[in-house]
Amino acid sequence: QVQLVESGGGLVQAGGSLRLSCAASGSIFRMNVMGWSRQAPGKQRELVAIINSFGLTDYADSVKGRFTISRDAAKNTVYLHLQMNSLKPEDTAVYYCSARQSGFSWSGRFDYWGQGTQVTVSS
């Protein structure tokens, strides 16, 4: 089992920045890939960024050059971060942290999900 707890969401003006964090515990070191997804009201959940245990990353086209995913570890916990710059109103969504054992692939299904954190970007 893996436990994921997000933090760092909030309200920000367009053009501003936010940093999301996710504390991952349990069998997290068995997970090869972690990621951030988001779901806006009335829309399907979309994958935003992924990172593997070697630090390889990939991003959705809509956030490339603006968002940066990173991870670090301390004791039995892995911390996943999403630095979001130049935020736009269309970035408004609930952001979810996730983890999976399968390999580095944009289309892979995630096994574990956090509860989400709200990000609201005002125009």
PDB file of N, CA and C in Angstrom:
ATOM      1  N   GLN A   1       0.835  -1.201   0.000  1.00  0.00           N
ATOM      2  CA  GLN A   1       0.000   0.000   0.000  1.00  0.00           C
ATOM      3  C   GLN A   1       0.871   1.253   0.000  1.00  0.00           C
ATOM      4  N   VAL A   2       0.346   2.273  -0.629  1.00  0.00           N
ATOM      5  CA  VAL A   2       1.020   3.571  -0.711  1.00  0.00           C
ATOM      6  C   VAL A   2       0.036   4.649  -0.286  1.00  0.00           C
ATOM      7  N   GLN A   3       0.507   5.549   0.550  1.00  0.00           N
ATOM      8  CA  GLN A   3      -0.310   6.690   0.970  1.00  0.00           C
ATOM      9  C   GLN A   3       0.263   7.961   0.351  1.00  0.00           C
ATOM     10  N   LEU A   4      -0.624   8.770  -0.230  1.00  0.00           N
ATOM     11  CA  LEU A   4      -0.228  10.005  -0.903  1.00  0.00           C
ATOM     12  C   LEU A   4      -1.041  11.157  -0.347  1.00  0.00           C
ATOM     13  N   VAL A   5      -0.355  12.207   0.100  1.00  0.00           N
ATOM     14  CA  VAL A   5      -1.040  13.364   0.670  1.00  0.00           C
ATOM     15  C   VAL A   5      -0.505  14.636   0.018  1.00  0.00           C
ATOM     16  N   GLU A   6      -1.390  15.327  -0.712  1.00  0.00           N
ATOM     17  CA  GLU A   6      -0.994  16.557  -1.401  1.00  0.00           C
ATOM     18  C   GLU A   6      -1.147  17.771  -0.509  1.00  0.00           C
ATOM     19  N   SER A   7      -0.386  18.815  -0.826  1.00  0.00           N
ATOM     20  CA  SER A   7      -0.506  20.102  -0.147  1.00  0.00           C
ATOM     21  C   SER A   7      -0.004  21.186  -1.085  1.00  0.00           C
ATOM     22  N   GLY A   8      -0.323  22.428  -0.743  1.00  0.00           N
ATOM     23  CA  GLY A   8       0.223  23.553  -1.492  1.00  0.00           C
ATOM     24  C   GLY A   8      -0.728  24.242  -2.440  1.00  0.00           C
ATOM     25  N   GLY A   9      -1.938  23.729  -2.584  1.00  0.00           N
ATOM     26  CA  GLY A   9      -2.882  24.382  -3.482  1.00  0.00           C
ATOM     27  C   GLY A   9      -3.346  25.718  -2.911  1.00  0.00           C
ATOM     28  N   GLY A  10      -4.082  26.470  -3.734  1.00  0.00           N
ATOM     29  CA  GLY A  10      -4.588  27.751  -3.275  1.00  0.00           C
ATOM     30  C   GLY A  10      -5.061  28.610  -4.417  1.00  0.00           C
ATOM     31  N   LEU A  11      -5.253  29.883  -4.107  1.00  0.00           N
ATOM     32  CA  LEU A  11      -5.722  30.865  -5.081  1.00  0.00           C
ATOM     33  C   LEU A  11      -4.560  31.768  -5.472  1.00  0.00           C
ATOM     34  N   VAL A  12      -4.382  31.956  -6.783  1.00  0.00           N
ATOM     35  CA  VAL A  12      -3.295  32.783  -7.277  1.00  0.00           C
ATOM     36  C   VAL A  12      -3.775  33.548  -8.500  1.00  0.00           C
ATOM     37  N   GLN A  13      -3.194  34.705  -8.733  1.00  0.00           N
ATOM     38  CA  GLN A  13      -3.551  35.478  -9.920  1.00  0.00           C
ATOM     39  C   GLN A  13      -2.827  34.936 -11.146  1.00  0.00           C
ATOM     40  N   ALA A  14      -3.413  35.168 -12.295  1.00  0.00           N
ATOM     41  CA  ALA A  14      -2.776  34.754 -13.549  1.00  0.00           C
ATOM     42  C   ALA A  14      -1.373  35.349 -13.641  1.00  0.00           C
ATOM     43  N   GLY A  15      -0.437  34.513 -14.084  1.00  0.00           N
ATOM     44  CA  GLY A  15       0.957  34.928 -14.151  1.00  0.00           C
ATOM     45  C   GLY A  15       1.757  34.583 -12.916  1.00  0.00           C
ATOM     46  N   GLY A  16       1.070  34.185 -11.859  1.00  0.00           N
ATOM     47  CA  GLY A  16       1.731  33.854 -10.614  1.00  0.00           C
ATOM     48  C   GLY A  16       2.247  32.427 -10.576  1.00  0.00           C
ATOM     49  N   SER A  17       2.742  32.035  -9.402  1.00  0.00           N
ATOM     50  CA  SER A  17       3.341  30.718  -9.222  1.00  0.00           C
ATOM     51  C   SER A  17       2.780  30.028  -7.988  1.00  0.00           C
ATOM     52  N   LEU A  18       2.790  28.700  -8.031  1.00  0.00           N
ATOM     53  CA  LEU A  18       2.450  27.865  -6.882  1.00  0.00           C
ATOM     54  C   LEU A  18       3.343  26.641  -6.909  1.00  0.00           C
ATOM     55  N   ARG A  19       3.606  26.092  -5.737  1.00  0.00           N
ATOM     56  CA  ARG A  19       4.370  24.852  -5.636  1.00  0.00           C
ATOM     57  C   ARG A  19       3.538  23.834  -4.886  1.00  0.00           C
ATOM     58  N   LEU A  20       3.208  22.756  -5.563  1.00  0.00           N
ATOM     59  CA  LEU A  20       2.481  21.660  -4.939  1.00  0.00           C
ATOM     60  C   LEU A  20       3.473  20.618  -4.428  1.00  0.00           C
ATOM     61  N   SER A  21       3.102  19.984  -3.332  1.00  0.00           N
ATOM     62  CA  SER A  21       3.921  18.902  -2.795  1.00  0.00           C
ATOM     63  C   SER A  21       3.041  17.709  -2.472  1.00  0.00           C
ATOM     64  N   CYS A  22       3.647  16.541  -2.500  1.00  0.00           N
ATOM     65  CA  CYS A  22       2.946  15.299  -2.185  1.00  0.00           C
ATOM     66  C   CYS A  22       3.877  14.438  -1.339  1.00  0.00           C
ATOM     67  N   ALA A  23       3.426  14.091  -0.156  1.00  0.00           N
ATOM     68  CA  ALA A  23       4.191  13.199   0.717  1.00  0.00           C
ATOM     69  C   ALA A  23       3.721  11.780   0.475  1.00  0.00           C
ATOM     70  N   ALA A  24       4.638  10.924   0.052  1.00  0.00           N
ATOM     71  CA  ALA A  24       4.304   9.543  -0.295  1.00  0.00           C
ATOM     72  C   ALA A  24       4.982   8.595   0.683  1.00  0.00           C
ATOM     73  N   SER A  25       4.204   7.714   1.286  1.00  0.00           N
ATOM     74  CA  SER A  25       4.752   6.783   2.257  1.00  0.00           C
ATOM     75  C   SER A  25       4.199   5.383   2.011  1.00  0.00           C
ATOM     76  N   GLY A  26       4.637   4.435   2.813  1.00  0.00           N
ATOM     77  CA  GLY A  26       4.252   3.044   2.609  1.00  0.00           C
ATOM     78  C   GLY A  26       5.255   2.368   1.696  1.00  0.00           C
ATOM     79  N   SER A  27       4.766   1.602   0.726  1.00  0.00           N
ATOM     80  CA  SER A  27       5.649   0.874  -0.197  1.00  0.00           C
ATOM     81  C   SER A  27       6.041   1.752  -1.376  1.00  0.00           C
ATOM     82  N   ILE A  28       6.348   3.002  -1.116  1.00  0.00           N
ATOM     83  CA  ILE A  28       6.580   3.965  -2.191  1.00  0.00           C
ATOM     84  C   ILE A  28       7.849   3.666  -2.965  1.00  0.00           C
ATOM     85  N   PHE A  29       8.830   3.041  -2.314  1.00  0.00           N
ATOM     86  CA  PHE A  29      10.085   2.781  -3.020  1.00  0.00           C
ATOM     87  C   PHE A  29       9.957   1.631  -4.009  1.00  0.00           C
ATOM     88  N   ARG A  30       8.809   0.957  -4.022  1.00  0.00           N
ATOM     89  CA  ARG A  30       8.521  -0.042  -5.056  1.00  0.00           C
ATOM     90  C   ARG A  30       7.911   0.598  -6.293  1.00  0.00           C
ATOM     91  N   MET A  31       7.533   1.866  -6.174  1.00  0.00           N
ATOM     92  CA  MET A  31       6.900   2.553  -7.290  1.00  0.00           C
ATOM     93  C   MET A  31       7.963   3.130  -8.224  1.00  0.00           C
ATOM     94  N   ASN A  32       7.812   2.859  -9.511  1.00  0.00           N
ATOM     95  CA  ASN A  32       8.785   3.342 -10.488  1.00  0.00           C
ATOM     96  C   ASN A  32       8.482   4.738 -10.985  1.00  0.00           C
ATOM     97  N   VAL A  33       7.192   5.044 -11.058  1.00  0.00           N
ATOM     98  CA  VAL A  33       6.775   6.313 -11.662  1.00  0.00           C
ATOM     99  C   VAL A  33       5.800   7.023 -10.735  1.00  0.00           C
ATOM    100  N   MET A  34       5.982   8.327 -10.611  1.00  0.00           N
ATOM    101  CA  MET A  34       5.016   9.174  -9.915  1.00  0.00           C
ATOM    102  C   MET A  34       4.587  10.293 -10.849  1.00  0.00           C
ATOM    103  N   GLY A  35       3.402  10.814 -10.612  1.00  0.00           N
ATOM    104  CA  GLY A  35       2.919  11.840 -11.515  1.00  0.00           C
ATOM    105  C   GLY A  35       1.931  12.794 -10.876  1.00  0.00           C
ATOM    106  N   TRP A  36       1.660  13.855 -11.611  1.00  0.00           N
ATOM    107  CA  TRP A  36       0.622  14.819 -11.243  1.00  0.00           C
ATOM    108  C   TRP A  36      -0.427  14.841 -12.353  1.00  0.00           C
ATOM    109  N   SER A  37      -1.666  14.767 -11.959  1.00  0.00           N
ATOM    110  CA  SER A  37      -2.786  14.900 -12.886  1.00  0.00           C
ATOM    111  C   SER A  37      -3.686  16.013 -12.376  1.00  0.00           C
ATOM    112  N   ARG A  38      -4.607  16.452 -13.220  1.00  0.00           N
ATOM    113  CA  ARG A  38      -5.549  17.479 -12.782  1.00  0.00           C
ATOM    114  C   ARG A  38      -6.908  17.233 -13.423  1.00  0.00           C
ATOM    115  N   GLN A  39      -7.928  17.724 -12.728  1.00  0.00           N
ATOM    116  CA  GLN A  39      -9.283  17.611 -13.242  1.00  0.00           C
ATOM    117  C   GLN A  39     -10.012  18.918 -13.010  1.00  0.00           C
ATOM    118  N   ALA A  40     -10.395  19.545 -14.110  1.00  0.00           N
ATOM    119  CA  ALA A  40     -11.167  20.781 -14.042  1.00  0.00           C
ATOM    120  C   ALA A  40     -12.659  20.442 -14.019  1.00  0.00           C
ATOM    121  N   PRO A  41     -13.487  21.337 -13.523  1.00  0.00           N
ATOM    122  CA  PRO A  41     -14.927  21.068 -13.462  1.00  0.00           C
ATOM    123  C   PRO A  41     -15.492  20.728 -14.830  1.00  0.00           C
ATOM    124  N   GLY A  42     -16.222  19.626 -14.906  1.00  0.00           N
ATOM    125  CA  GLY A  42     -16.853  19.221 -16.152  1.00  0.00           C
ATOM    126  C   GLY A  42     -15.919  18.600 -17.161  1.00  0.00           C
ATOM    127  N   LYS A  43     -14.667  18.374 -16.788  1.00  0.00           N
ATOM    128  CA  LYS A  43     -13.701  17.804 -17.726  1.00  0.00           C
ATOM    129  C   LYS A  43     -13.124  16.507 -17.174  1.00  0.00           C
ATOM    130  N   GLN A  44     -12.547  15.710 -18.079  1.00  0.00           N
ATOM    131  CA  GLN A  44     -11.890  14.488 -17.653  1.00  0.00           C
ATOM    132  C   GLN A  44     -10.556  14.796 -16.990  1.00  0.00           C
ATOM    133  N   ARG A  45     -10.129  13.869 -16.130  1.00  0.00           N
ATOM    134  CA  ARG A  45      -8.818  14.020 -15.513  1.00  0.00           C
ATOM    135  C   ARG A  45      -7.751  13.892 -16.582  1.00  0.00           C
ATOM    136  N   GLU A  46      -6.746  14.761 -16.541  1.00  0.00           N
ATOM    137  CA  GLU A  46      -5.662  14.709 -17.503  1.00  0.00           C
ATOM    138  C   GLU A  46      -4.312  14.649 -16.788  1.00  0.00           C
ATOM    139  N   LEU A  47      -3.406  13.884 -17.372  1.00  0.00           N
ATOM    140  CA  LEU A  47      -2.064  13.763 -16.833  1.00  0.00           C
ATOM    141  C   LEU A  47      -1.274  15.016 -17.192  1.00  0.00           C
ATOM    142  N   VAL A  48      -0.546  15.545 -16.222  1.00  0.00           N
ATOM    143  CA  VAL A  48       0.184  16.800 -16.407  1.00  0.00           C
ATOM    144  C   VAL A  48       1.688  16.561 -16.507  1.00  0.00           C
ATOM    145  N   ALA A  49       2.219  15.719 -15.619  1.00  0.00           N
ATOM    146  CA  ALA A  49       3.665  15.481 -15.597  1.00  0.00           C
ATOM    147  C   ALA A  49       3.953  14.159 -14.910  1.00  0.00           C
ATOM    148  N   ILE A  50       5.026  13.503 -15.341  1.00  0.00           N
ATOM    149  CA  ILE A  50       5.470  12.266 -14.699  1.00  0.00           C
ATOM    150  C   ILE A  50       6.977  12.309 -14.480  1.00  0.00           C
ATOM    151  N   ILE A  51       7.418  11.502 -13.522  1.00  0.00           N
ATOM    152  CA  ILE A  51       8.846  11.392 -13.229  1.00  0.00           C
ATOM    153  C   ILE A  51       9.121   9.967 -12.760  1.00  0.00           C
ATOM    154  N   ASN A  52      10.257   9.403 -13.168  1.00  0.00           N
ATOM    155  CA  ASN A  52      10.580   8.066 -12.684  1.00  0.00           C
ATOM    156  C   ASN A  52      11.651   8.162 -11.595  1.00  0.00           C
ATOM    157  N   SER A  53      12.039   7.018 -11.078  1.00  0.00           N
ATOM    158  CA  SER A  53      12.952   6.984  -9.938  1.00  0.00           C
ATOM    159  C   SER A  53      14.361   7.450 -10.307  1.00  0.00           C
ATOM    160  N   PHE A  54      14.640   7.554 -11.615  1.00  0.00           N
ATOM    161  CA  PHE A  54      15.940   8.053 -12.063  1.00  0.00           C
ATOM    162  C   PHE A  54      15.911   9.537 -12.392  1.00  0.00           C
ATOM    163  N   GLY A  55      14.728  10.142 -12.243  1.00  0.00           N
ATOM    164  CA  GLY A  55      14.601  11.568 -12.505  1.00  0.00           C
ATOM    165  C   GLY A  55      14.200  11.922 -13.919  1.00  0.00           C
ATOM    166  N   LEU A  56      13.886  10.924 -14.741  1.00  0.00           N
ATOM    167  CA  LEU A  56      13.420  11.202 -16.096  1.00  0.00           C
ATOM    168  C   LEU A  56      12.014  11.790 -16.022  1.00  0.00           C
ATOM    169  N   THR A  57      11.760  12.822 -16.796  1.00  0.00           N
ATOM    170  CA  THR A  57      10.475  13.519 -16.716  1.00  0.00           C
ATOM    171  C   THR A  57       9.816  13.650 -18.082  1.00  0.00           C
ATOM    172  N   ASP A  58       8.509  13.878 -18.043  1.00  0.00           N
ATOM    173  CA  ASP A  58       7.762  14.182 -19.251  1.00  0.00           C
ATOM    174  C   ASP A  58       6.572  15.049 -18.857  1.00  0.00           C
ATOM    175  N   TYR A  59       6.108  15.865 -19.812  1.00  0.00           N
ATOM    176  CA  TYR A  59       5.057  16.831 -19.508  1.00  0.00           C
ATOM    177  C   TYR A  59       4.004  16.865 -20.600  1.00  0.00           C
ATOM    178  N   ALA A  60       2.806  17.247 -20.211  1.00  0.00           N
ATOM    179  CA  ALA A  60       1.776  17.533 -21.196  1.00  0.00           C
ATOM    180  C   ALA A  60       2.183  18.803 -21.953  1.00  0.00           C
ATOM    181  N   ASP A  61       1.812  18.872 -23.227  1.00  0.00           N
ATOM    182  CA  ASP A  61       2.173  20.035 -24.034  1.00  0.00           C
ATOM    183  C   ASP A  61       1.663  21.335 -23.422  1.00  0.00           C
ATOM    184  N   SER A  62       0.515  21.277 -22.779  1.00  0.00           N
ATOM    185  CA  SER A  62      -0.112  22.481 -22.236  1.00  0.00           C
ATOM    186  C   SER A  62       0.675  23.103 -21.084  1.00  0.00           C
ATOM    187  N   VAL A  63       1.602  22.354 -20.482  1.00  0.00           N
ATOM    188  CA  VAL A  63       2.352  22.882 -19.335  1.00  0.00           C
ATOM    189  C   VAL A  63       3.857  22.918 -19.557  1.00  0.00           C
ATOM    190  N   LYS A  64       4.321  22.413 -20.692  1.00  0.00           N
ATOM    191  CA  LYS A  64       5.763  22.404 -20.964  1.00  0.00           C
ATOM    192  C   LYS A  64       6.323  23.818 -20.913  1.00  0.00           C
ATOM    193  N   GLY A  65       7.449  23.960 -20.226  1.00  0.00           N
ATOM    194  CA  GLY A  65       8.087  25.258 -20.101  1.00  0.00           C
ATOM    195  C   GLY A  65       7.554  26.085 -18.956  1.00  0.00           C
ATOM    196  N   ARG A  66       6.443  25.657 -18.349  1.00  0.00           N
ATOM    197  CA  ARG A  66       5.863  26.399 -17.227  1.00  0.00           C
ATOM    198  C   ARG A  66       5.887  25.602 -15.930  1.00  0.00           C
ATOM    199  N   PHE A  67       5.700  24.286 -16.027  1.00  0.00           N
ATOM    200  CA  PHE A  67       5.656  23.424 -14.844  1.00  0.00           C
ATOM    201  C   PHE A  67       6.924  22.579 -14.773  1.00  0.00           C
ATOM    202  N   THR A  68       7.358  22.295 -13.552  1.00  0.00           N
ATOM    203  CA  THR A  68       8.507  21.421 -13.334  1.00  0.00           C
ATOM    204  C   THR A  68       8.182  20.413 -12.243  1.00  0.00           C
ATOM    205  N   ILE A  69       8.336  19.133 -12.574  1.00  0.00           N
ATOM    206  CA  ILE A  69       8.114  18.075 -11.602  1.00  0.00           C
ATOM    207  C   ILE A  69       9.464  17.637 -11.035  1.00  0.00           C
ATOM    208  N   SER A  70       9.481  17.340  -9.742  1.00  0.00           N
ATOM    209  CA  SER A  70      10.717  16.883  -9.110  1.00  0.00           C
ATOM    210  C   SER A  70      10.364  15.984  -7.935  1.00  0.00           C
ATOM    211  N   ARG A  71      11.359  15.257  -7.448  1.00  0.00           N
ATOM    212  CA  ARG A  71      11.134  14.387  -6.300  1.00  0.00           C
ATOM    213  C   ARG A  71      12.387  14.336  -5.443  1.00  0.00           C
ATOM    214  N   ASP A  72      12.189  14.132  -4.149  1.00  0.00           N
ATOM    215  CA  ASP A  72      13.290  13.887  -3.246  1.00  0.00           C
ATOM    216  C   ASP A  72      12.788  12.958  -2.149  1.00  0.00           C
ATOM    217  N   ALA A  73      13.721  12.417  -1.375  1.00  0.00           N
ATOM    218  CA  ALA A  73      13.356  11.410  -0.383  1.00  0.00           C
ATOM    219  C   ALA A  73      14.031  11.694   0.944  1.00  0.00           C
ATOM    220  N   ALA A  74      13.332  11.328   2.004  1.00  0.00           N
ATOM    221  CA  ALA A  74      13.887  11.433   3.351  1.00  0.00           C
ATOM    222  C   ALA A  74      13.354  10.263   4.169  1.00  0.00           C
ATOM    223  N   LYS A  75      14.238   9.491   4.754  1.00  0.00           N
ATOM    224  CA  LYS A  75      13.856   8.309   5.539  1.00  0.00           C
ATOM    225  C   LYS A  75      12.927   7.425   4.710  1.00  0.00           C
ATOM    226  N   ASN A  76      11.702   7.238   5.160  1.00  0.00           N
ATOM    227  CA  ASN A  76      10.769   6.339   4.481  1.00  0.00           C
ATOM    228  C   ASN A  76       9.731   7.075   3.649  1.00  0.00           C
ATOM    229  N   THR A  77       9.999   8.326   3.327  1.00  0.00           N
ATOM    230  CA  THR A  77       9.022   9.139   2.607  1.00  0.00           C
ATOM    231  C   THR A  77       9.637   9.730   1.349  1.00  0.00           C
ATOM    232  N   VAL A  78       8.863   9.698   0.269  1.00  0.00           N
ATOM    233  CA  VAL A  78       9.253  10.372  -0.966  1.00  0.00           C
ATOM    234  C   VAL A  78       8.384  11.617  -1.103  1.00  0.00           C
ATOM    235  N   TYR A  79       9.002  12.714  -1.460  1.00  0.00           N
ATOM    236  CA  TYR A  79       8.275  13.959  -1.659  1.00  0.00           C
ATOM    237  C   TYR A  79       8.274  14.298  -3.146  1.00  0.00           C
ATOM    238  N   LEU A  80       7.082  14.434  -3.685  1.00  0.00           N
ATOM    239  CA  LEU A  80       6.913  14.798  -5.083  1.00  0.00           C
ATOM    240  C   LEU A  80       6.467  16.255  -5.132  1.00  0.00           C
ATOM    241  N   HIS A  81       7.066  17.030  -6.044  1.00  0.00           N
ATOM    242  CA  HIS A  81       6.737  18.445  -6.143  1.00  0.00           C
ATOM    243  C   HIS A  81       6.310  18.803  -7.560  1.00  0.00           C
ATOM    244  N   LEU A  82       5.517  19.842  -7.648  1.00  0.00           N
ATOM    245  CA  LEU A  82       5.166  20.409  -8.947  1.00  0.00           C
ATOM    246  C   LEU A  82       5.277  21.925  -8.823  1.00  0.00           C
ATOM    247  N   GLN A  83       6.319  22.486  -9.413  1.00  0.00           N
ATOM    248  CA  GLN A  83       6.481  23.929  -9.450  1.00  0.00           C
ATOM    249  C   GLN A  83       5.725  24.451 -10.658  1.00  0.00           C
ATOM    250  N   MET A  84       4.767  25.330 -10.410  1.00  0.00           N
ATOM    251  CA  MET A  84       3.914  25.848 -11.477  1.00  0.00           C
ATOM    252  C   MET A  84       4.140  27.349 -11.610  1.00  0.00           C
ATOM    253  N   ASN A  85       4.653  27.762 -12.749  1.00  0.00           N
ATOM    254  CA  ASN A  85       4.918  29.171 -13.033  1.00  0.00           C
ATOM    255  C   ASN A  85       4.040  29.653 -14.179  1.00  0.00           C
ATOM    256  N   SER A  86       3.953  30.950 -14.302  1.00  0.00           N
ATOM    257  CA  SER A  86       3.159  31.561 -15.384  1.00  0.00           C
ATOM    258  C   SER A  86       1.772  30.945 -15.463  1.00  0.00           C
ATOM    259  N   LEU A  87       1.124  30.849 -14.334  1.00  0.00           N
ATOM    260  CA  LEU A  87      -0.174  30.176 -14.280  1.00  0.00           C
ATOM    261  C   LEU A  87      -1.237  30.924 -15.070  1.00  0.00           C
ATOM    262  N   LYS A  88      -2.138  30.149 -15.652  1.00  0.00           N
ATOM    263  CA  LYS A  88      -3.233  30.677 -16.463  1.00  0.00           C
ATOM    264  C   LYS A  88      -4.557  30.250 -15.855  1.00  0.00           C
ATOM    265  N   PRO A  89      -5.623  30.995 -16.118  1.00  0.00           N
ATOM    266  CA  PRO A  89      -6.936  30.585 -15.593  1.00  0.00           C
ATOM    267  C   PRO A  89      -7.305  29.161 -15.995  1.00  0.00           C
ATOM    268  N   GLU A  90      -6.870  28.709 -17.156  1.00  0.00           N
ATOM    269  CA  GLU A  90      -7.188  27.344 -17.588  1.00  0.00           C
ATOM    270  C   GLU A  90      -6.421  26.278 -16.819  1.00  0.00           C
ATOM    271  N   ASP A  91      -5.489  26.678 -15.970  1.00  0.00           N
ATOM    272  CA  ASP A  91      -4.813  25.717 -15.092  1.00  0.00           C
ATOM    273  C   ASP A  91      -5.645  25.412 -13.843  1.00  0.00           C
ATOM    274  N   THR A  92      -6.743  26.114 -13.671  1.00  0.00           N
ATOM    275  CA  THR A  92      -7.607  25.887 -12.521  1.00  0.00           C
ATOM    276  C   THR A  92      -8.160  24.469 -12.544  1.00  0.00           C
ATOM    277  N   ALA A  93      -7.942  23.745 -11.453  1.00  0.00           N
ATOM    278  CA  ALA A  93      -8.349  22.340 -11.378  1.00  0.00           C
ATOM    279  C   ALA A  93      -8.008  21.798  -9.997  1.00  0.00           C
ATOM    280  N   VAL A  94      -8.491  20.593  -9.737  1.00  0.00           N
ATOM    281  CA  VAL A  94      -8.004  19.829  -8.594  1.00  0.00           C
ATOM    282  C   VAL A  94      -6.811  19.013  -9.088  1.00  0.00           C
ATOM    283  N   TYR A  95      -5.699  19.129  -8.390  1.00  0.00           N
ATOM    284  CA  TYR A  95      -4.468  18.453  -8.783  1.00  0.00           C
ATOM    285  C   TYR A  95      -4.250  17.229  -7.886  1.00  0.00           C
ATOM    286  N   TYR A  96      -3.942  16.105  -8.537  1.00  0.00           N
ATOM    287  CA  TYR A  96      -3.766  14.834  -7.849  1.00  0.00           C
ATOM    288  C   TYR A  96      -2.360  14.290  -8.033  1.00  0.00           C
ATOM    289  N   CYS A  97      -1.819  13.764  -6.966  1.00  0.00           N
ATOM    290  CA  CYS A  97      -0.547  13.036  -6.978  1.00  0.00           C
ATOM    291  C   CYS A  97      -0.852  11.559  -7.182  1.00  0.00           C
ATOM    292  N   SER A  98       0.001  10.849  -7.906  1.00  0.00           N
ATOM    293  CA  SER A  98      -0.246   9.425  -8.151  1.00  0.00           C
ATOM    294  C   SER A  98       1.065   8.667  -8.267  1.00  0.00           C
ATOM    295  N   ALA A  99       0.957   7.332  -8.161  1.00  0.00           N
ATOM    296  CA  ALA A  99       2.150   6.481  -8.223  1.00  0.00           C
ATOM    297  C   ALA A  99       1.797   5.133  -8.837  1.00  0.00           C
ATOM    298  N   ARG A 100       2.766   4.519  -9.508  1.00  0.00           N
ATOM    299  CA  ARG A 100       2.548   3.194 -10.072  1.00  0.00           C
ATOM    300  C   ARG A 100       3.865   2.433 -10.153  1.00  0.00           C
ATOM    301  N   GLN A 101       3.750   1.105 -10.257  1.00  0.00           N
ATOM    302  CA  GLN A 101       4.931   0.258 -10.376  1.00  0.00           C
ATOM    303  C   GLN A 101       5.404   0.122 -11.812  1.00  0.00           C
ATOM    304  N   SER A 102       4.488   0.249 -12.766  1.00  0.00           N
ATOM    305  CA  SER A 102       4.850   0.000 -14.154  1.00  0.00           C
ATOM    306  C   SER A 102       5.807   1.070 -14.662  1.00  0.00           C
ATOM    307  N   GLY A 103       6.369   0.831 -15.851  1.00  0.00           N
ATOM    308  CA  GLY A 103       7.450   1.645 -16.359  1.00  0.00           C
ATOM    309  C   GLY A 103       7.078   3.034 -16.822  1.00  0.00           C
ATOM    310  N   PHE A 104       8.091   3.743 -17.313  1.00  0.00           N
ATOM    311  CA  PHE A 104       7.956   5.135 -17.714  1.00  0.00           C
ATOM    312  C   PHE A 104       7.210   5.214 -19.032  1.00  0.00           C
ATOM    313  N   SER A 105       5.920   5.526 -18.946  1.00  0.00           N
ATOM    314  CA  SER A 105       5.068   5.616 -20.113  1.00  0.00           C
ATOM    315  C   SER A 105       3.964   6.619 -19.843  1.00  0.00           C
ATOM    316  N   TRP A 106       3.659   7.445 -20.825  1.00  0.00           N
ATOM    317  CA  TRP A 106       2.621   8.447 -20.647  1.00  0.00           C
ATOM    318  C   TRP A 106       1.245   7.808 -20.505  1.00  0.00           C
ATOM    319  N   SER A 107       1.060   6.639 -21.073  1.00  0.00           N
ATOM    320  CA  SER A 107      -0.275   6.034 -21.105  1.00  0.00           C
ATOM    321  C   SER A 107      -0.517   5.016 -20.006  1.00  0.00           C
ATOM    322  N   GLY A 108       0.427   4.772 -19.132  1.00  0.00           N
ATOM    323  CA  GLY A 108       0.253   3.773 -18.091  1.00  0.00           C
ATOM    324  C   GLY A 108      -0.774   4.173 -17.048  1.00  0.00           C
ATOM    325  N   ARG A 109      -1.412   3.161 -16.470  1.00  0.00           N
ATOM    326  CA  ARG A 109      -2.419   3.400 -15.437  1.00  0.00           C
ATOM    327  C   ARG A 109      -1.750   3.504 -14.067  1.00  0.00           C
ATOM    328  N   PHE A 110      -2.185   4.504 -13.285  1.00  0.00           N
ATOM    329  CA  PHE A 110      -1.623   4.669 -11.945  1.00  0.00           C
ATOM    330  C   PHE A 110      -2.368   3.798 -10.941  1.00  0.00           C
ATOM    331  N   ASP A 111      -1.611   3.276  -9.963  1.00  0.00           N
ATOM    332  CA  ASP A 111      -2.181   2.364  -8.977  1.00  0.00           C
ATOM    333  C   ASP A 111      -2.697   3.084  -7.740  1.00  0.00           C
ATOM    334  N   TYR A 112      -2.068   4.182  -7.380  1.00  0.00           N
ATOM    335  CA  TYR A 112      -2.411   4.894  -6.150  1.00  0.00           C
ATOM    336  C   TYR A 112      -2.600   6.381  -6.437  1.00  0.00           C
ATOM    337  N   TRP A 113      -3.559   6.956  -5.715  1.00  0.00           N
ATOM    338  CA  TRP A 113      -3.915   8.366  -5.898  1.00  0.00           C
ATOM    339  C   TRP A 113      -4.057   9.065  -4.549  1.00  0.00           C
ATOM    340  N   GLY A 114      -3.703  10.351  -4.530  1.00  0.00           N
ATOM    341  CA  GLY A 114      -3.974  11.175  -3.366  1.00  0.00           C
ATOM    342  C   GLY A 114      -5.390  11.720  -3.424  1.00  0.00           C
ATOM    343  N   GLN A 115      -5.737  12.524  -2.431  1.00  0.00           N
ATOM    344  CA  GLN A 115      -7.100  13.046  -2.340  1.00  0.00           C
ATOM    345  C   GLN A 115      -7.298  14.315  -3.160  1.00  0.00           C
ATOM    346  N   GLY A 116      -6.219  14.938  -3.593  1.00  0.00           N
ATOM    347  CA  GLY A 116      -6.287  16.122  -4.436  1.00  0.00           C
ATOM    348  C   GLY A 116      -6.164  17.415  -3.665  1.00  0.00           C
ATOM    349  N   THR A 117      -5.700  18.448  -4.366  1.00  0.00           N
ATOM    350  CA  THR A 117      -5.600  19.780  -3.794  1.00  0.00           C
ATOM    351  C   THR A 117      -6.056  20.789  -4.857  1.00  0.00           C
ATOM    352  N   GLN A 118      -6.861  21.753  -4.435  1.00  0.00           N
ATOM    353  CA  GLN A 118      -7.460  22.696  -5.370  1.00  0.00           C
ATOM    354  C   GLN A 118      -6.487  23.806  -5.734  1.00  0.00           C
ATOM    355  N   VAL A 119      -6.377  24.070  -7.028  1.00  0.00           N
ATOM    356  CA  VAL A 119      -5.623  25.214  -7.527  1.00  0.00           C
ATOM    357  C   VAL A 119      -6.597  26.089  -8.319  1.00  0.00           C
ATOM    358  N   THR A 120      -6.676  27.351  -7.944  1.00  0.00           N
ATOM    359  CA  THR A 120      -7.550  28.288  -8.631  1.00  0.00           C
ATOM    360  C   THR A 120      -6.728  29.478  -9.107  1.00  0.00           C
ATOM    361  N   VAL A 121      -6.805  29.751 -10.398  1.00  0.00           N
ATOM    362  CA  VAL A 121      -6.067  30.866 -10.993  1.00  0.00           C
ATOM    363  C   VAL A 121      -7.074  31.907 -11.465  1.00  0.00           C
ATOM    364  N   SER A 122      -6.995  33.079 -10.899  1.00  0.00           N
ATOM    365  CA  SER A 122      -7.937  34.144 -11.259  1.00  0.00           C
ATOM    366  C   SER A 122      -7.356  35.010 -12.374  1.00  0.00           C
ATOM    367  N   SER A 123      -8.265  35.518 -13.202  1.00  0.00           N
ATOM    368  CA  SER A 123      -7.800  36.334 -14.337  1.00  0.00           C
ATOM    369  C   SER A 123      -7.695  37.798 -13.956  1.00  0.00           C
TER     370      SER A 123
END
